[in-house]
Amino acid sequence: MTEPRRQKGLFARLRGDRRGVSAVEFAMLAPVMIGFYFGMAEFCQGFMAQKRMGHAASQVADLVAQKDVITTAEVSDVFGIGALIMKPYSSAPLKMRVTSVARQADGSTKVEWSQGSGLTALAKDAAFAVPAGVLEAEGETVIVSESTYDYDSPVDYFMPGVTQFRHTYYLRPRSVERVKLLP
């Protein structure tokens, strides 16, 4: 008669069994890969919101710089265009300001006029710093478009809280020396 087969211990059997190695490796890597995927998706959403906000700010400056004379109502309409550029993102956190800045005889730069949407307009004749080389000669003007956007991620997992994006654009008036603002 044959001797009964001796059974191996549980751990000895599992050590030799290679059938579930792929499943175990997947179970270890899946949470990391899923987290990476959602993190990249959240980052890309924030990046796209920042790019749209920058595009809105540049378009506001460009549309104002094309005019010879602009009214406060037209500037408000231009801000509305900037808000439309933000779609599909909410335009509620978008704040913009457009300002005409001129170089004075003493070399300083001062505000000629300013209008804001969400950002306070600057006072006439207030000092305004511009980067070196933007306004070199007396009487030169530049249109400055500033914008901020408070981005709040819909997921709030990798980007908790609000991240504020900010852009400033400087454009020279296109067809005249200075753009005039009428009430």
Foldseek 3Di string as FASTA:
>chain_A
DDDDDDDDDPVVVVVPDPPCVVVVVCVVCVVVVVVVVVVVVLVVVVVVLLVLLQVLQVQLQVVLLAAQEAEPVVSVVSNVVSQVSNPPDHSVQKKKKKWKWFQAPVRFIFTCWMDIDNDDTDDGRDTDDDDPPLHDDHLAIKIKMKMKGFDAGPVCPNPPDTDIHIDIDIGGRDPDRTYHYDD
